[in-house]
Amino acid sequence: MKPAHSAVVALLGLTVLGLAAPTAAARVEPDPVVAGQRVSISDGGQCARDGAARVSSRLFGPVVLRPGEGGMGARARVAEGAAPGRYPVTIHCASGGASFTETVTVRDGRVEGLNAAQAAGGLALLALAAGAAFWLRRTVGGRS
């Protein structure tokens, strides 16, 4: 068999295996996170909607998932004292159901937000844009 034919057969085989493999069901977004940040947890539609799916993790303790758009989901806050590292988050479907695990990365830092310096900078840019628009309007209108 020619090398090109072998490569095509290998690629087709890998494609079939990739399509047949189960997709990861546990989802935590965003990832990575920082201590104190709120996250969304979802089962990716893998658990029965009428079951009592729950989540276990050292990041936020036990959480119960509720039916929502795309499956069972919940929101939780990462513990304030969570040290940087990788943490498993496991979703347990109703009794006797499957379990799915995802690893979430906690990075060093703080929850992103808008501070006073950023707000002042934004207002300064807005004032500059308003001044430039006023000046251009006067210049184009022939009143220079």
C-alpha atoms as a PDB file:
ATOM      1  CA  MET A   1       0.000   0.000   0.000  1.00  0.00           C
ATOM      2  CA  LYS A   2       1.333   3.455  -0.867  1.00  0.00           C
ATOM      3  CA  PRO A   3       2.196   5.852   1.981  1.00  0.00           C
ATOM      4  CA  ALA A   4      -0.564   8.260   0.901  1.00  0.00           C
ATOM      5  CA  HIS A   5      -3.157   5.503   1.090  1.00  0.00           C
ATOM      6  CA  SER A   6      -1.922   4.485   4.547  1.00  0.00           C
ATOM      7  CA  ALA A   7      -2.202   8.080   5.728  1.00  0.00           C
ATOM      8  CA  VAL A   8      -5.773   8.380   4.424  1.00  0.00           C
ATOM      9  CA  VAL A   9      -6.808   5.125   6.107  1.00  0.00           C
ATOM     10  CA  ALA A  10      -5.215   6.255   9.394  1.00  0.00           C
ATOM     11  CA  LEU A  11      -6.965   9.649   9.252  1.00  0.00           C
ATOM     12  CA  LEU A  12     -10.328   8.042   8.545  1.00  0.00           C
ATOM     13  CA  GLY A  13      -9.835   5.652  11.441  1.00  0.00           C
ATOM     14  CA  LEU A  14      -8.959   8.475  13.827  1.00  0.00           C
ATOM     15  CA  THR A  15     -11.977  10.474  12.655  1.00  0.00           C
ATOM     16  CA  VAL A  16     -14.331   7.574  13.320  1.00  0.00           C
ATOM     17  CA  LEU A  17     -12.811   7.035  16.779  1.00  0.00           C
ATOM     18  CA  GLY A  18     -13.098  10.746  17.555  1.00  0.00           C
ATOM     19  CA  LEU A  19     -16.751  10.847  16.564  1.00  0.00           C
ATOM     20  CA  ALA A  20     -17.545   7.721  18.568  1.00  0.00           C
ATOM     21  CA  ALA A  21     -15.859   8.945  21.761  1.00  0.00           C
ATOM     22  CA  PRO A  22     -18.185  10.406  24.374  1.00  0.00           C
ATOM     23  CA  THR A  23     -17.999  14.147  24.823  1.00  0.00           C
ATOM     24  CA  ALA A  24     -17.081  15.618  28.170  1.00  0.00           C
ATOM     25  CA  ALA A  25     -20.290  16.496  29.955  1.00  0.00           C
ATOM     26  CA  ALA A  26     -19.114  18.475  32.961  1.00  0.00           C
ATOM     27  CA  ARG A  27     -18.542  22.122  32.076  1.00  0.00           C
ATOM     28  CA  VAL A  28     -17.382  24.953  34.286  1.00  0.00           C
ATOM     29  CA  GLU A  29     -17.111  28.402  32.752  1.00  0.00           C
ATOM     30  CA  PRO A  30     -15.051  30.481  32.795  1.00  0.00           C
ATOM     31  CA  ASP A  31     -11.884  28.464  33.089  1.00  0.00           C
ATOM     32  CA  PRO A  32      -9.388  29.507  34.444  1.00  0.00           C
ATOM     33  CA  VAL A  33     -10.935  31.214  37.470  1.00  0.00           C
ATOM     34  CA  VAL A  34      -9.728  33.186  40.491  1.00  0.00           C
ATOM     35  CA  ALA A  35     -10.753  32.874  44.138  1.00  0.00           C
ATOM     36  CA  GLY A  36     -14.104  34.552  44.802  1.00  0.00           C
ATOM     37  CA  GLN A  37     -15.277  34.450  41.175  1.00  0.00           C
ATOM     38  CA  ARG A  38     -18.754  33.193  40.200  1.00  0.00           C
ATOM     39  CA  VAL A  39     -18.845  30.280  37.749  1.00  0.00           C
ATOM     40  CA  SER A  40     -21.499  28.518  35.687  1.00  0.00           C
ATOM     41  CA  ILE A  41     -21.676  24.746  35.997  1.00  0.00           C
ATOM     42  CA  SER A  42     -23.451  22.579  33.415  1.00  0.00           C
ATOM     43  CA  ASP A  43     -23.917  18.896  32.728  1.00  0.00           C
ATOM     44  CA  GLY A  44     -24.036  19.424  28.951  1.00  0.00           C
ATOM     45  CA  GLY A  45     -27.420  17.708  28.755  1.00  0.00           C
ATOM     46  CA  GLN A  46     -26.085  14.358  29.975  1.00  0.00           C
ATOM     47  CA  CYS A  47     -28.197  13.954  33.147  1.00  0.00           C
ATOM     48  CA  ALA A  48     -31.948  13.332  33.192  1.00  0.00           C
ATOM     49  CA  ARG A  49     -33.765  16.651  33.666  1.00  0.00           C
ATOM     50  CA  ASP A  50     -36.035  15.171  36.323  1.00  0.00           C
ATOM     51  CA  GLY A  51     -33.153  13.775  38.358  1.00  0.00           C
ATOM     52  CA  ALA A  52     -31.356  15.297  41.287  1.00  0.00           C
ATOM     53  CA  ALA A  53     -27.964  16.027  39.753  1.00  0.00           C
ATOM     54  CA  ARG A  54     -25.369  17.435  42.110  1.00  0.00           C
ATOM     55  CA  VAL A  55     -21.826  18.747  41.949  1.00  0.00           C
ATOM     56  CA  SER A  56     -18.977  18.048  44.320  1.00  0.00           C
ATOM     57  CA  SER A  57     -15.741  20.007  44.439  1.00  0.00           C
ATOM     58  CA  ARG A  58     -13.378  21.531  46.979  1.00  0.00           C
ATOM     59  CA  LEU A  59     -13.732  24.803  45.060  1.00  0.00           C
ATOM     60  CA  PHE A  60     -17.287  25.548  46.173  1.00  0.00           C
ATOM     61  CA  GLY A  61     -18.650  22.595  48.130  1.00  0.00           C
ATOM     62  CA  PRO A  62     -21.835  20.700  47.227  1.00  0.00           C
ATOM     63  CA  VAL A  63     -24.118  22.313  44.627  1.00  0.00           C
ATOM     64  CA  VAL A  64     -27.483  21.050  43.313  1.00  0.00           C
ATOM     65  CA  LEU A  65     -28.088  21.403  39.576  1.00  0.00           C
ATOM     66  CA  ARG A  66     -31.467  22.628  38.308  1.00  0.00           C
ATOM     67  CA  PRO A  67     -33.055  22.155  34.863  1.00  0.00           C
ATOM     68  CA  GLY A  68     -32.201  24.935  32.443  1.00  0.00           C
ATOM     69  CA  GLU A  69     -31.473  25.677  28.789  1.00  0.00           C
ATOM     70  CA  GLY A  70     -28.863  23.090  27.677  1.00  0.00           C
ATOM     71  CA  GLY A  71     -29.416  20.631  30.516  1.00  0.00           C
ATOM     72  CA  MET A  72     -28.931  20.840  34.244  1.00  0.00           C
ATOM     73  CA  GLY A  73     -26.970  23.802  35.567  1.00  0.00           C
ATOM     74  CA  ALA A  74     -26.153  26.054  38.497  1.00  0.00           C
ATOM     75  CA  ARG A  75     -24.046  29.041  39.509  1.00  0.00           C
ATOM     76  CA  ALA A  76     -21.542  28.911  42.347  1.00  0.00           C
ATOM     77  CA  ARG A  77     -18.820  31.085  43.832  1.00  0.00           C
ATOM     78  CA  VAL A  78     -15.265  29.787  44.046  1.00  0.00           C
ATOM     79  CA  ALA A  79     -14.087  29.785  47.670  1.00  0.00           C
ATOM     80  CA  GLU A  80     -12.215  32.937  48.684  1.00  0.00           C
ATOM     81  CA  GLY A  81      -9.334  30.870  50.074  1.00  0.00           C
ATOM     82  CA  ALA A  82      -8.846  28.697  46.965  1.00  0.00           C
ATOM     83  CA  ALA A  83      -5.130  28.407  46.262  1.00  0.00           C
ATOM     84  CA  PRO A  84      -3.857  28.458  42.672  1.00  0.00           C
ATOM     85  CA  GLY A  85      -3.860  24.993  41.108  1.00  0.00           C
ATOM     86  CA  ARG A  86      -6.039  22.446  39.337  1.00  0.00           C
ATOM     87  CA  TYR A  87      -9.236  21.178  41.003  1.00  0.00           C
ATOM     88  CA  PRO A  88     -11.600  18.386  39.940  1.00  0.00           C
ATOM     89  CA  VAL A  89     -15.296  19.277  39.600  1.00  0.00           C
ATOM     90  CA  THR A  90     -17.517  16.191  39.446  1.00  0.00           C
ATOM     91  CA  ILE A  91     -21.170  16.088  38.380  1.00  0.00           C
ATOM     92  CA  HIS A  92     -23.154  13.152  39.738  1.00  0.00           C
ATOM     93  CA  CYS A  93     -26.407  12.437  37.885  1.00  0.00           C
ATOM     94  CA  ALA A  94     -29.395  11.108  39.872  1.00  0.00           C
ATOM     95  CA  SER A  95     -28.826   7.946  41.887  1.00  0.00           C
ATOM     96  CA  GLY A  96     -27.447   5.227  39.688  1.00  0.00           C
ATOM     97  CA  GLY A  97     -26.610   7.730  36.928  1.00  0.00           C
ATOM     98  CA  ALA A  98     -23.288   8.565  35.425  1.00  0.00           C
ATOM     99  CA  SER A  99     -20.632  10.867  36.858  1.00  0.00           C
ATOM    100  CA  PHE A 100     -18.543  13.318  34.854  1.00  0.00           C
ATOM    101  CA  THR A 101     -15.436  15.186  35.944  1.00  0.00           C
ATOM    102  CA  GLU A 102     -13.732  18.287  34.618  1.00  0.00           C
ATOM    103  CA  THR A 103     -10.556  19.854  35.939  1.00  0.00           C
ATOM    104  CA  VAL A 104     -10.726  23.596  36.587  1.00  0.00           C
ATOM    105  CA  THR A 105      -7.680  25.821  36.951  1.00  0.00           C
ATOM    106  CA  VAL A 106      -7.549  28.465  39.678  1.00  0.00           C
ATOM    107  CA  ARG A 107      -5.015  31.163  38.942  1.00  0.00           C
ATOM    108  CA  ASP A 108      -3.479  33.699  41.260  1.00  0.00           C
ATOM    109  CA  GLY A 109      -5.162  37.074  41.100  1.00  0.00           C
ATOM    110  CA  ARG A 110      -8.372  38.799  41.934  1.00  0.00           C
ATOM    111  CA  VAL A 111     -11.834  38.978  40.431  1.00  0.00           C
ATOM    112  CA  GLU A 112     -11.703  41.325  37.479  1.00  0.00           C
ATOM    113  CA  GLY A 113     -13.822  44.412  37.719  1.00  0.00           C
ATOM    114  CA  LEU A 114     -13.854  48.111  37.029  1.00  0.00           C
ATOM    115  CA  ASN A 115     -11.808  50.201  39.451  1.00  0.00           C
ATOM    116  CA  ALA A 116     -11.818  54.004  39.924  1.00  0.00           C
ATOM    117  CA  ALA A 117      -8.801  54.603  37.674  1.00  0.00           C
ATOM    118  CA  GLN A 118     -10.380  52.644  34.817  1.00  0.00           C
ATOM    119  CA  ALA A 119     -13.669  54.527  35.215  1.00  0.00           C
ATOM    120  CA  ALA A 120     -11.862  57.897  35.192  1.00  0.00           C
ATOM    121  CA  GLY A 121      -9.904  56.887  32.098  1.00  0.00           C
ATOM    122  CA  GLY A 122     -13.093  55.875  30.322  1.00  0.00           C
ATOM    123  CA  LEU A 123     -14.763  59.192  31.161  1.00  0.00           C
ATOM    124  CA  ALA A 124     -11.695  61.104  29.936  1.00  0.00           C
ATOM    125  CA  LEU A 125     -11.791  59.232  26.613  1.00  0.00           C
ATOM    126  CA  LEU A 126     -15.507  59.919  26.302  1.00  0.00           C
ATOM    127  CA  ALA A 127     -14.956  63.652  26.927  1.00  0.00           C
ATOM    128  CA  LEU A 128     -12.129  63.695  24.377  1.00  0.00           C
ATOM    129  CA  ALA A 129     -14.326  62.006  21.772  1.00  0.00           C
ATOM    130  CA  ALA A 130     -17.162  64.472  22.438  1.00  0.00           C
ATOM    131  CA  GLY A 131     -14.761  67.424  22.061  1.00  0.00           C
ATOM    132  CA  ALA A 132     -13.371  66.034  18.801  1.00  0.00           C
ATOM    133  CA  ALA A 133     -16.889  65.502  17.434  1.00  0.00           C
ATOM    134  CA  PHE A 134     -17.860  69.080  18.363  1.00  0.00           C
ATOM    135  CA  TRP A 135     -14.710  70.484  16.739  1.00  0.00           C
ATOM    136  CA  LEU A 136     -15.217  68.422  13.548  1.00  0.00           C
ATOM    137  CA  ARG A 137     -18.839  69.501  13.304  1.00  0.00           C
ATOM    138  CA  ARG A 138     -17.845  73.175  13.544  1.00  0.00           C
ATOM    139  CA  THR A 139     -15.006  72.726  11.031  1.00  0.00           C
ATOM    140  CA  VAL A 140     -17.126  70.869   8.454  1.00  0.00           C
ATOM    141  CA  GLY A 141     -20.000  73.309   8.898  1.00  0.00           C
ATOM    142  CA  GLY A 142     -17.738  76.183   7.796  1.00  0.00           C
ATOM    143  CA  ARG A 143     -17.630  77.959  11.153  1.00  0.00           C
ATOM    144  CA  SER A 144     -13.939  77.647  11.874  1.00  0.00           C
END
